[in-house]
PDB file of N, CA and C in Angstrom:
ATOM      1  N   MET A   1       0.842  -1.196   0.000  1.00  0.00           N
ATOM      2  CA  MET A   1       0.000   0.000   0.000  1.00  0.00           C
ATOM      3  C   MET A   1       0.883   1.253   0.000  1.00  0.00           C
ATOM      4  N   GLU A   2       0.441   2.231  -0.716  1.00  0.00           N
ATOM      5  CA  GLU A   2       1.189   3.466  -0.871  1.00  0.00           C
ATOM      6  C   GLU A   2       1.093   4.323   0.396  1.00  0.00           C
ATOM      7  N   ASP A   3       2.207   4.955   0.774  1.00  0.00           N
ATOM      8  CA  ASP A   3       2.235   5.823   1.948  1.00  0.00           C
ATOM      9  C   ASP A   3       1.823   7.231   1.530  1.00  0.00           C
ATOM     10  N   MET A   4       0.601   7.624   1.875  1.00  0.00           N
ATOM     11  CA  MET A   4       0.088   8.940   1.486  1.00  0.00           C
ATOM     12  C   MET A   4       0.727  10.060   2.304  1.00  0.00           C
ATOM     13  N   ASN A   5       1.470   9.710   3.366  1.00  0.00           N
ATOM     14  CA  ASN A   5       2.159  10.712   4.175  1.00  0.00           C
ATOM     15  C   ASN A   5       3.583  10.960   3.691  1.00  0.00           C
ATOM     16  N   GLU A   6       3.981  10.231   2.621  1.00  0.00           N
ATOM     17  CA  GLU A   6       5.329  10.428   2.069  1.00  0.00           C
ATOM     18  C   GLU A   6       5.432  11.823   1.463  1.00  0.00           C
ATOM     19  N   VAL A   7       6.475  12.542   1.856  1.00  0.00           N
ATOM     20  CA  VAL A   7       6.671  13.899   1.361  1.00  0.00           C
ATOM     21  C   VAL A   7       7.229  13.854  -0.061  1.00  0.00           C
ATOM     22  N   VAL A   8       6.609  14.613  -0.949  1.00  0.00           N
ATOM     23  CA  VAL A   8       7.049  14.721  -2.338  1.00  0.00           C
ATOM     24  C   VAL A   8       7.805  16.039  -2.524  1.00  0.00           C
ATOM     25  N   CYS A   9       7.234  17.118  -2.023  1.00  0.00           N
ATOM     26  CA  CYS A   9       7.846  18.448  -2.111  1.00  0.00           C
ATOM     27  C   CYS A   9       8.405  18.808  -0.740  1.00  0.00           C
ATOM     28  N   TYR A  10       9.723  18.698  -0.603  1.00  0.00           N
ATOM     29  CA  TYR A  10      10.354  18.952   0.688  1.00  0.00           C
ATOM     30  C   TYR A  10      10.387  20.430   1.047  1.00  0.00           C
ATOM     31  N   CYS A  11      10.427  21.297   0.076  1.00  0.00           N
ATOM     32  CA  CYS A  11      10.470  22.735   0.369  1.00  0.00           C
ATOM     33  C   CYS A  11       9.229  23.182   1.141  1.00  0.00           C
ATOM     34  N   LEU A  12       8.079  22.624   0.771  1.00  0.00           N
ATOM     35  CA  LEU A  12       6.821  23.043   1.385  1.00  0.00           C
ATOM     36  C   LEU A  12       6.119  21.910   2.123  1.00  0.00           C
ATOM     37  N   ASN A  13       6.803  20.766   2.267  1.00  0.00           N
ATOM     38  CA  ASN A  13       6.279  19.627   3.031  1.00  0.00           C
ATOM     39  C   ASN A  13       4.931  19.129   2.487  1.00  0.00           C
ATOM     40  N   VAL A  14       4.837  19.008   1.158  1.00  0.00           N
ATOM     41  CA  VAL A  14       3.603  18.536   0.517  1.00  0.00           C
ATOM     42  C   VAL A  14       3.701  17.021   0.316  1.00  0.00           C
ATOM     43  N   THR A  15       2.669  16.312   0.748  1.00  0.00           N
ATOM     44  CA  THR A  15       2.669  14.847   0.708  1.00  0.00           C
ATOM     45  C   THR A  15       2.001  14.299  -0.551  1.00  0.00           C
ATOM     46  N   LYS A  16       2.213  12.985  -0.763  1.00  0.00           N
ATOM     47  CA  LYS A  16       1.514  12.283  -1.857  1.00  0.00           C
ATOM     48  C   LYS A  16       0.006  12.421  -1.678  1.00  0.00           C
ATOM     49  N   GLY A  17      -0.455  12.321  -0.440  1.00  0.00           N
ATOM     50  CA  GLY A  17      -1.893  12.419  -0.164  1.00  0.00           C
ATOM     51  C   GLY A  17      -2.466  13.756  -0.594  1.00  0.00           C
ATOM     52  N   ALA A  18      -1.735  14.830  -0.341  1.00  0.00           N
ATOM     53  CA  ALA A  18      -2.205  16.163  -0.738  1.00  0.00           C
ATOM     54  C   ALA A  18      -2.283  16.276  -2.256  1.00  0.00           C
ATOM     55  N   ILE A  19      -1.296  15.697  -2.939  1.00  0.00           N
ATOM     56  CA  ILE A  19      -1.305  15.735  -4.403  1.00  0.00           C
ATOM     57  C   ILE A  19      -2.444  14.876  -4.939  1.00  0.00           C
ATOM     58  N   LYS A  20      -2.641  13.703  -4.345  1.00  0.00           N
ATOM     59  CA  LYS A  20      -3.740  12.831  -4.774  1.00  0.00           C
ATOM     60  C   LYS A  20      -5.077  13.536  -4.583  1.00  0.00           C
ATOM     61  N   ASN A  21      -5.269  14.180  -3.445  1.00  0.00           N
ATOM     62  CA  ASN A  21      -6.516  14.906  -3.186  1.00  0.00           C
ATOM     63  C   ASN A  21      -6.737  16.009  -4.208  1.00  0.00           C
ATOM     64  N   ALA A  22      -5.668  16.714  -4.561  1.00  0.00           N
ATOM     65  CA  ALA A  22      -5.781  17.785  -5.550  1.00  0.00           C
ATOM     66  C   ALA A  22      -6.196  17.230  -6.912  1.00  0.00           C
ATOM     67  N   VAL A  23      -5.570  16.123  -7.317  1.00  0.00           N
ATOM     68  CA  VAL A  23      -5.902  15.511  -8.612  1.00  0.00           C
ATOM     69  C   VAL A  23      -7.343  15.023  -8.599  1.00  0.00           C
ATOM     70  N   GLU A  24      -7.756  14.382  -7.525  1.00  0.00           N
ATOM     71  CA  GLU A  24      -9.129  13.864  -7.435  1.00  0.00           C
ATOM     72  C   GLU A  24     -10.162  14.994  -7.382  1.00  0.00           C
ATOM     73  N   SER A  25      -9.718  16.191  -7.001  1.00  0.00           N
ATOM     74  CA  SER A  25     -10.604  17.356  -6.959  1.00  0.00           C
ATOM     75  C   SER A  25     -10.595  18.144  -8.262  1.00  0.00           C
ATOM     76  N   GLY A  26      -9.896  17.616  -9.277  1.00  0.00           N
ATOM     77  CA  GLY A  26      -9.939  18.238 -10.593  1.00  0.00           C
ATOM     78  C   GLY A  26      -8.651  18.885 -11.058  1.00  0.00           C
ATOM     79  N   SER A  27      -7.614  18.892 -10.240  1.00  0.00           N
ATOM     80  CA  SER A  27      -6.330  19.465 -10.653  1.00  0.00           C
ATOM     81  C   SER A  27      -5.584  18.406 -11.469  1.00  0.00           C
ATOM     82  N   ASP A  28      -5.772  18.452 -12.791  1.00  0.00           N
ATOM     83  CA  ASP A  28      -5.255  17.385 -13.650  1.00  0.00           C
ATOM     84  C   ASP A  28      -4.020  17.781 -14.438  1.00  0.00           C
ATOM     85  N   THR A  29      -3.436  18.937 -14.110  1.00  0.00           N
ATOM     86  CA  THR A  29      -2.193  19.361 -14.751  1.00  0.00           C
ATOM     87  C   THR A  29      -1.216  19.800 -13.666  1.00  0.00           C
ATOM     88  N   LEU A  30       0.050  19.886 -14.016  1.00  0.00           N
ATOM     89  CA  LEU A  30       1.059  20.338 -13.066  1.00  0.00           C
ATOM     90  C   LEU A  30       0.703  21.722 -12.531  1.00  0.00           C
ATOM     91  N   GLU A  31       0.293  22.610 -13.418  1.00  0.00           N
ATOM     92  CA  GLU A  31      -0.016  23.982 -13.013  1.00  0.00           C
ATOM     93  C   GLU A  31      -1.174  24.013 -12.021  1.00  0.00           C
ATOM     94  N   LYS A  32      -2.187  23.196 -12.246  1.00  0.00           N
ATOM     95  CA  LYS A  32      -3.337  23.167 -11.339  1.00  0.00           C
ATOM     96  C   LYS A  32      -2.967  22.577  -9.990  1.00  0.00           C
ATOM     97  N   VAL A  33      -2.127  21.539  -9.989  1.00  0.00           N
ATOM     98  CA  VAL A  33      -1.670  20.958  -8.723  1.00  0.00           C
ATOM     99  C   VAL A  33      -0.813  21.971  -7.969  1.00  0.00           C
ATOM    100  N   GLN A  34       0.013  22.709  -8.685  1.00  0.00           N
ATOM    101  CA  GLN A  34       0.829  23.735  -8.037  1.00  0.00           C
ATOM    102  C   GLN A  34      -0.057  24.813  -7.417  1.00  0.00           C
ATOM    103  N   ALA A  35      -1.110  25.209  -8.111  1.00  0.00           N
ATOM    104  CA  ALA A  35      -2.015  26.225  -7.581  1.00  0.00           C
ATOM    105  C   ALA A  35      -2.749  25.714  -6.341  1.00  0.00           C
ATOM    106  N   ALA A  36      -3.105  24.440  -6.350  1.00  0.00           N
ATOM    107  CA  ALA A  36      -3.868  23.866  -5.243  1.00  0.00           C
ATOM    108  C   ALA A  36      -3.015  23.563  -4.023  1.00  0.00           C
ATOM    109  N   THR A  37      -1.744  23.155  -4.249  1.00  0.00           N
ATOM    110  CA  THR A  37      -0.920  22.667  -3.133  1.00  0.00           C
ATOM    111  C   THR A  37       0.354  23.471  -2.905  1.00  0.00           C
ATOM    112  N   GLU A  38       0.751  24.281  -3.885  1.00  0.00           N
ATOM    113  CA  GLU A  38       2.021  25.005  -3.915  1.00  0.00           C
ATOM    114  C   GLU A  38       3.227  24.080  -4.094  1.00  0.00           C
ATOM    115  N   ALA A  39       2.991  22.783  -4.258  1.00  0.00           N
ATOM    116  CA  ALA A  39       4.092  21.834  -4.467  1.00  0.00           C
ATOM    117  C   ALA A  39       4.848  22.189  -5.739  1.00  0.00           C
ATOM    118  N   GLY A  40       6.161  22.122  -5.669  1.00  0.00           N
ATOM    119  CA  GLY A  40       6.982  22.370  -6.850  1.00  0.00           C
ATOM    120  C   GLY A  40       7.145  23.827  -7.213  1.00  0.00           C
ATOM    121  N   THR A  41       6.790  24.734  -6.309  1.00  0.00           N
ATOM    122  CA  THR A  41       6.864  26.159  -6.646  1.00  0.00           C
ATOM    123  C   THR A  41       8.082  26.855  -6.055  1.00  0.00           C
ATOM    124  N   VAL A  42       8.923  26.126  -5.317  1.00  0.00           N
ATOM    125  CA  VAL A  42      10.100  26.755  -4.720  1.00  0.00           C
ATOM    126  C   VAL A  42      11.341  26.399  -5.527  1.00  0.00           C
ATOM    127  N   CYS A  43      11.883  25.200  -5.353  1.00  0.00           N
ATOM    128  CA  CYS A  43      13.136  24.865  -6.053  1.00  0.00           C
ATOM    129  C   CYS A  43      12.908  24.078  -7.339  1.00  0.00           C
ATOM    130  N   GLY A  44      11.763  23.390  -7.449  1.00  0.00           N
ATOM    131  CA  GLY A  44      11.452  22.662  -8.674  1.00  0.00           C
ATOM    132  C   GLY A  44      12.017  21.261  -8.771  1.00  0.00           C
ATOM    133  N   ALA A  45      12.749  20.812  -7.764  1.00  0.00           N
ATOM    134  CA  ALA A  45      13.373  19.485  -7.831  1.00  0.00           C
ATOM    135  C   ALA A  45      12.353  18.355  -7.902  1.00  0.00           C
ATOM    136  N   CYS A  46      11.138  18.586  -7.433  1.00  0.00           N
ATOM    137  CA  CYS A  46      10.131  17.529  -7.379  1.00  0.00           C
ATOM    138  C   CYS A  46       9.162  17.544  -8.560  1.00  0.00           C
ATOM    139  N   LEU A  47       9.366  18.409  -9.528  1.00  0.00           N
ATOM    140  CA  LEU A  47       8.394  18.557 -10.623  1.00  0.00           C
ATOM    141  C   LEU A  47       8.132  17.258 -11.366  1.00  0.00           C
ATOM    142  N   SER A  48       9.172  16.495 -11.677  1.00  0.00           N
ATOM    143  CA  SER A  48       8.951  15.245 -12.409  1.00  0.00           C
ATOM    144  C   SER A  48       8.191  14.244 -11.549  1.00  0.00           C
ATOM    145  N   ASP A  49       8.449  14.238 -10.245  1.00  0.00           N
ATOM    146  CA  ASP A  49       7.705  13.347  -9.344  1.00  0.00           C
ATOM    147  C   ASP A  49       6.231  13.736  -9.295  1.00  0.00           C
ATOM    148  N   ILE A  50       5.954  15.029  -9.247  1.00  0.00           N
ATOM    149  CA  ILE A  50       4.571  15.502  -9.218  1.00  0.00           C
ATOM    150  C   ILE A  50       3.863  15.104 -10.514  1.00  0.00           C
ATOM    151  N   GLU A  51       4.521  15.318 -11.655  1.00  0.00           N
ATOM    152  CA  GLU A  51       3.915  14.962 -12.940  1.00  0.00           C
ATOM    153  C   GLU A  51       3.603  13.471 -13.011  1.00  0.00           C
ATOM    154  N   GLN A  52       4.513  12.652 -12.484  1.00  0.00           N
ATOM    155  CA  GLN A  52       4.290  11.200 -12.475  1.00  0.00           C
ATOM    156  C   GLN A  52       3.073  10.854 -11.609  1.00  0.00           C
ATOM    157  N   LEU A  53       2.962  11.493 -10.451  1.00  0.00           N
ATOM    158  CA  LEU A  53       1.834  11.214  -9.564  1.00  0.00           C
ATOM    159  C   LEU A  53       0.509  11.667 -10.193  1.00  0.00           C
ATOM    160  N   ILE A  54       0.520  12.785 -10.890  1.00  0.00           N
ATOM    161  CA  ILE A  54      -0.696  13.241 -11.562  1.00  0.00           C
ATOM    162  C   ILE A  54      -1.175  12.164 -12.542  1.00  0.00           C
ATOM    163  N   GLU A  55      -0.262  11.607 -13.320  1.00  0.00           N
ATOM    164  CA  GLU A  55      -0.629  10.564 -14.274  1.00  0.00           C
ATOM    165  C   GLU A  55      -1.168   9.327 -13.560  1.00  0.00           C
ATOM    166  N   GLU A  56      -0.554   8.972 -12.431  1.00  0.00           N
ATOM    167  CA  GLU A  56      -1.007   7.807 -11.662  1.00  0.00           C
ATOM    168  C   GLU A  56      -2.414   7.992 -11.111  1.00  0.00           C
ATOM    169  N   TYR A  57      -2.703   9.200 -10.622  1.00  0.00           N
ATOM    170  CA  TYR A  57      -3.955   9.444  -9.900  1.00  0.00           C
ATOM    171  C   TYR A  57      -5.099   9.893 -10.786  1.00  0.00           C
ATOM    172  N   LYS A  58      -4.837  10.186 -12.059  1.00  0.00           N
ATOM    173  CA  LYS A  58      -5.917  10.629 -12.970  1.00  0.00           C
ATOM    174  C   LYS A  58      -6.949   9.536 -13.134  1.00  0.00           C
TER     175      LYS A  58
END
């Protein structure tokens, strides 16, 4: 089972669960997930991970 408390964006402490919730609420692009969670808006190191999770959770 996937750990929804796993941190994806360390700059802002955004978890997989927060990203999943954003995608399930209609944030189906990187830009929309960033607007909903702020993940990936500081250093950008997690952008590819966020994009992968968006595809998984769509």
